[in-house]
Amino acid sequence: MPITKSNSQAYAAYNEIKRRILAGMFTPRDRLREVEVASLLEMGRTPVREALKRIQDEGLITHEAGRGLVVTTMDQQEVGELYSMREVLESTAAGFAARHATEADIANMQAILDDGDGGDPVTQNLRFHEAIYSAAHNRYLIRSLQSLTETTYLLGRSTLSSPDRAQRSNQEHQAIVDAIRNRDVQGAQDAARHHIHQALLERLKMLRQG
């Protein structure tokens, strides 16, 4: 079960542990011992225990024999499965956006691209995809996509760390926006699916290179 905001200590512990995992402050090399995490966060062991259990249920941490709780690592098959689901859900979101996006939604997507990345293509990419999710106007789809996005963070260095990939990604983003603006549902789905598939190819290249 999710931790409710009314359970304020556990909710705060959950958010902070998750933030540290996604920021790379807790890595697969670290053992997440309940007592040590509680001391680090200056919180009681009970809310930290509840938070760790919830994060384990979400798949971001794993119990390994002889080590205890550690940040989850993903093999090549799992990476492929993750990106396959992203292709399905991201294309669905783009298709929904082509149907339901308001003019303000479309203007927001275009503005994110027009403003450039300011030297931070990862943040721009997140903002852009979140804008598509919002424009899809489906809260259940948004929840599923946010979960997948968080799992993607476990992979470490972004595929956009390559300047060439970052440039091509922006071109792919523009193709998605153009299709949404034209209310081209199939075109938006195809453009989004192509975008995620290209990200997968870059990710597999990074894995091969270590």
Protein backbone atom coordinates (compact mmCIF):
# COMPACT_ATOMS: atom_id res chain seq x y z
CA MET A 1 0.00 0.00 0.00
CA PRO A 2 1.23 3.55 -0.68
CA ILE A 3 2.44 5.64 2.23
CA THR A 4 -0.10 8.40 2.86
CA LYS A 5 0.84 12.01 3.46
CA SER A 6 -0.86 11.79 6.86
CA ASN A 7 1.93 9.41 7.90
CA SER A 8 4.29 12.37 7.69
CA GLN A 9 7.54 10.83 8.95
CA ALA A 10 7.33 7.74 6.75
CA TYR A 11 6.27 9.90 3.80
CA ALA A 12 9.24 12.23 4.34
CA ALA A 13 11.62 9.27 4.65
CA TYR A 14 10.18 7.70 1.50
CA ASN A 15 10.67 10.89 -0.54
CA GLU A 16 14.20 11.51 0.74
CA ILE A 17 15.47 7.95 0.25
CA LYS A 18 13.97 7.89 -3.23
CA ARG A 19 15.50 11.27 -4.07
CA ARG A 20 18.93 10.02 -3.03
CA ILE A 21 18.57 6.86 -5.10
CA LEU A 22 17.50 8.75 -8.21
CA ALA A 23 20.27 11.32 -7.70
CA GLY A 24 22.86 8.55 -7.47
CA MET A 25 23.66 9.30 -3.81
CA PHE A 26 22.71 5.72 -2.93
CA THR A 27 24.27 3.31 -5.43
CA PRO A 28 24.23 -0.48 -5.96
CA ARG A 29 27.50 -0.57 -3.99
CA ASP A 30 25.79 0.70 -0.85
CA ARG A 31 23.95 -1.47 1.69
CA LEU A 32 20.85 0.32 2.87
CA ARG A 33 20.84 -0.75 6.51
CA GLU A 34 17.78 0.50 8.33
CA VAL A 35 19.66 1.82 11.36
CA GLU A 36 22.28 3.62 9.23
CA VAL A 37 19.71 5.18 6.90
CA ALA A 38 17.68 6.33 9.91
CA SER A 39 20.79 7.93 11.40
CA LEU A 40 21.72 9.57 8.09
CA LEU A 41 18.22 11.04 7.69
CA GLU A 42 17.98 11.88 11.42
CA MET A 43 14.69 9.99 11.64
CA GLY A 44 13.31 7.11 13.66
CA ARG A 45 13.77 3.53 12.49
CA THR A 46 10.02 2.83 12.17
CA PRO A 47 9.25 5.41 9.44
CA VAL A 48 12.48 4.48 7.64
CA ARG A 49 11.52 0.79 7.77
CA GLU A 50 8.11 1.60 6.25
CA ALA A 51 9.73 3.77 3.56
CA LEU A 52 12.29 1.11 2.62
CA LYS A 53 9.57 -1.52 2.36
CA ARG A 54 7.52 0.68 0.03
CA ILE A 55 10.52 1.48 -2.18
CA GLN A 56 11.38 -2.22 -2.31
CA ASP A 57 7.81 -2.96 -3.43
CA GLU A 58 8.32 -0.43 -6.25
CA GLY A 59 11.43 -2.28 -7.41
CA LEU A 60 13.98 0.50 -6.83
CA ILE A 61 15.75 -1.50 -4.12
CA THR A 62 16.27 -5.26 -3.85
CA HIS A 63 17.10 -7.67 -1.04
CA GLU A 64 20.26 -9.61 -1.88
CA ALA A 65 21.38 -12.63 0.12
CA GLY A 66 24.36 -11.78 2.27
CA ARG A 67 24.09 -8.06 1.57
CA GLY A 68 20.60 -6.98 2.54
CA LEU A 69 18.87 -4.09 0.79
CA VAL A 70 20.72 -2.53 -2.15
CA VAL A 71 19.78 -0.29 -5.07
CA THR A 72 18.49 -2.42 -7.93
CA THR A 73 20.69 -3.05 -10.95
CA MET A 74 19.32 -4.03 -14.35
CA ASP A 75 20.68 -6.49 -16.90
CA GLN A 76 20.36 -6.07 -20.67
CA GLN A 77 17.12 -8.07 -20.85
CA GLU A 78 15.51 -5.91 -18.18
CA VAL A 79 16.66 -2.77 -20.00
CA GLY A 80 15.01 -4.05 -23.17
CA GLU A 81 11.80 -4.83 -21.29
CA LEU A 82 11.78 -1.37 -19.71
CA TYR A 83 12.18 0.44 -23.02
CA SER A 84 9.56 -1.81 -24.64
CA MET A 85 7.04 -0.64 -22.06
CA ARG A 86 8.17 2.94 -22.54
CA GLU A 87 7.50 2.63 -26.28
CA VAL A 88 3.97 1.42 -25.54
CA LEU A 89 3.11 4.03 -22.91
CA GLU A 90 4.93 7.01 -24.45
CA SER A 91 3.26 6.37 -27.82
CA THR A 92 -0.10 6.07 -26.07
CA ALA A 93 0.50 9.38 -24.27
CA ALA A 94 1.42 11.10 -27.53
CA GLY A 95 -1.70 9.71 -29.20
CA PHE A 96 -3.90 10.88 -26.33
CA ALA A 97 -2.23 14.30 -26.51
CA ALA A 98 -3.03 14.52 -30.24
CA ARG A 99 -6.67 13.98 -29.32
CA HIS A 100 -6.97 15.97 -26.09
CA ALA A 101 -4.21 18.60 -25.87
CA THR A 102 -5.37 22.18 -25.52
CA GLU A 103 -3.71 24.98 -27.46
CA ALA A 104 -1.99 25.96 -24.20
CA ASP A 105 -0.63 22.41 -23.82
CA ILE A 106 0.81 22.50 -27.33
CA ALA A 107 2.27 25.96 -26.82
CA ASN A 108 3.95 24.75 -23.63
CA MET A 109 5.59 21.80 -25.41
CA GLN A 110 6.84 24.05 -28.20
CA ALA A 111 8.13 26.63 -25.72
CA ILE A 112 10.19 23.99 -23.92
CA LEU A 113 11.87 23.11 -27.22
CA ASP A 114 12.26 26.73 -28.33
CA ASP A 115 13.85 27.75 -25.02
CA GLY A 116 16.67 25.26 -25.56
CA ASP A 117 18.31 23.11 -22.94
CA GLY A 118 20.53 25.75 -21.35
CA GLY A 119 23.31 23.20 -21.19
CA ASP A 120 21.11 20.68 -19.37
CA PRO A 121 19.46 18.40 -21.94
CA VAL A 122 18.35 15.91 -19.26
CA THR A 123 16.21 18.45 -17.42
CA GLN A 124 14.78 19.77 -20.69
CA ASN A 125 13.95 16.20 -21.74
CA LEU A 126 12.11 15.52 -18.49
CA ARG A 127 10.14 18.75 -18.79
CA PHE A 128 9.18 17.94 -22.36
CA HIS A 129 7.96 14.43 -21.60
CA GLU A 130 6.06 15.63 -18.54
CA ALA A 131 4.35 18.19 -20.79
CA ILE A 132 3.19 15.38 -23.09
CA TYR A 133 1.94 13.34 -20.13
CA SER A 134 -0.02 16.34 -18.88
CA ALA A 135 -1.46 16.98 -22.36
CA ALA A 136 -2.68 13.37 -22.53
CA HIS A 137 -5.16 14.22 -19.75
CA ASN A 138 -5.21 10.73 -18.24
CA ARG A 139 -4.14 10.47 -14.60
CA TYR A 140 -3.69 6.67 -14.67
CA LEU A 141 -1.41 6.84 -17.67
CA ILE A 142 0.60 9.57 -15.95
CA ARG A 143 1.15 7.39 -12.87
CA SER A 144 2.38 4.50 -14.98
CA LEU A 145 4.74 6.72 -16.96
CA GLN A 146 6.17 8.34 -13.84
CA SER A 147 6.95 4.91 -12.41
CA LEU A 148 8.79 3.92 -15.60
CA THR A 149 10.69 7.20 -15.63
CA GLU A 150 11.93 6.62 -12.09
CA THR A 151 13.08 3.11 -13.00
CA THR A 152 14.99 4.55 -15.95
CA TYR A 153 17.04 6.62 -13.47
CA LEU A 154 18.54 3.37 -12.13
CA LEU A 155 20.44 3.07 -15.39
CA GLY A 156 22.73 5.93 -14.41
CA ARG A 157 24.22 8.27 -17.00
CA SER A 158 21.59 9.61 -19.39
CA THR A 159 21.65 8.71 -23.09
CA LEU A 160 21.55 12.48 -23.63
CA SER A 161 25.11 12.77 -22.31
CA SER A 162 26.09 12.32 -25.97
CA PRO A 163 25.78 15.72 -27.73
CA ASP A 164 24.89 13.96 -30.98
CA ARG A 165 22.10 12.01 -29.29
CA ALA A 166 20.85 15.17 -27.56
CA GLN A 167 20.58 16.96 -30.92
CA ARG A 168 18.75 14.06 -32.57
CA SER A 169 16.46 13.78 -29.54
CA ASN A 170 15.38 17.39 -29.98
CA GLN A 171 14.56 16.73 -33.63
CA GLU A 172 12.49 13.72 -32.56
CA HIS A 173 10.73 15.85 -29.95
CA GLN A 174 9.80 18.38 -32.61
CA ALA A 175 8.31 15.63 -34.79
CA ILE A 176 6.11 14.58 -31.86
CA VAL A 177 4.91 18.14 -31.27
CA ASP A 178 4.20 18.68 -34.97
CA ALA A 179 2.02 15.56 -35.07
CA ILE A 180 0.17 16.56 -31.91
CA ARG A 181 -0.42 20.05 -33.31
CA ASN A 182 -1.83 18.52 -36.48
CA ARG A 183 -4.08 16.21 -34.42
CA ASP A 184 -2.38 13.31 -36.18
CA VAL A 185 -2.90 10.52 -33.65
CA GLN A 186 -1.07 7.80 -35.59
CA GLY A 187 1.73 10.18 -36.51
CA ALA A 188 2.19 11.20 -32.87
CA GLN A 189 2.27 7.57 -31.76
CA ASP A 190 4.78 6.62 -34.44
CA ALA A 191 7.03 9.61 -33.65
CA ALA A 192 7.02 8.84 -29.92
CA ARG A 193 7.68 5.15 -30.51
CA HIS A 194 10.60 6.00 -32.83
CA HIS A 195 11.99 8.41 -30.22
CA ILE A 196 12.04 5.82 -27.45
CA HIS A 197 13.47 3.14 -29.75
CA GLN A 198 16.35 5.46 -30.67
CA ALA A 199 16.96 6.05 -26.94
CA LEU A 200 17.08 2.27 -26.44
CA LEU A 201 19.68 1.88 -29.20
CA GLU A 202 21.82 4.55 -27.53
CA ARG A 203 21.40 2.88 -24.14
CA LEU A 204 22.49 -0.52 -25.50
CA LYS A 205 25.50 1.16 -27.10
CA MET A 206 26.42 2.66 -23.71
CA LEU A 207 26.07 -0.75 -22.04
CA ARG A 208 28.36 -2.34 -24.62
CA GLN A 209 30.95 0.36 -23.98
CA GLY A 210 30.70 -0.15 -20.22
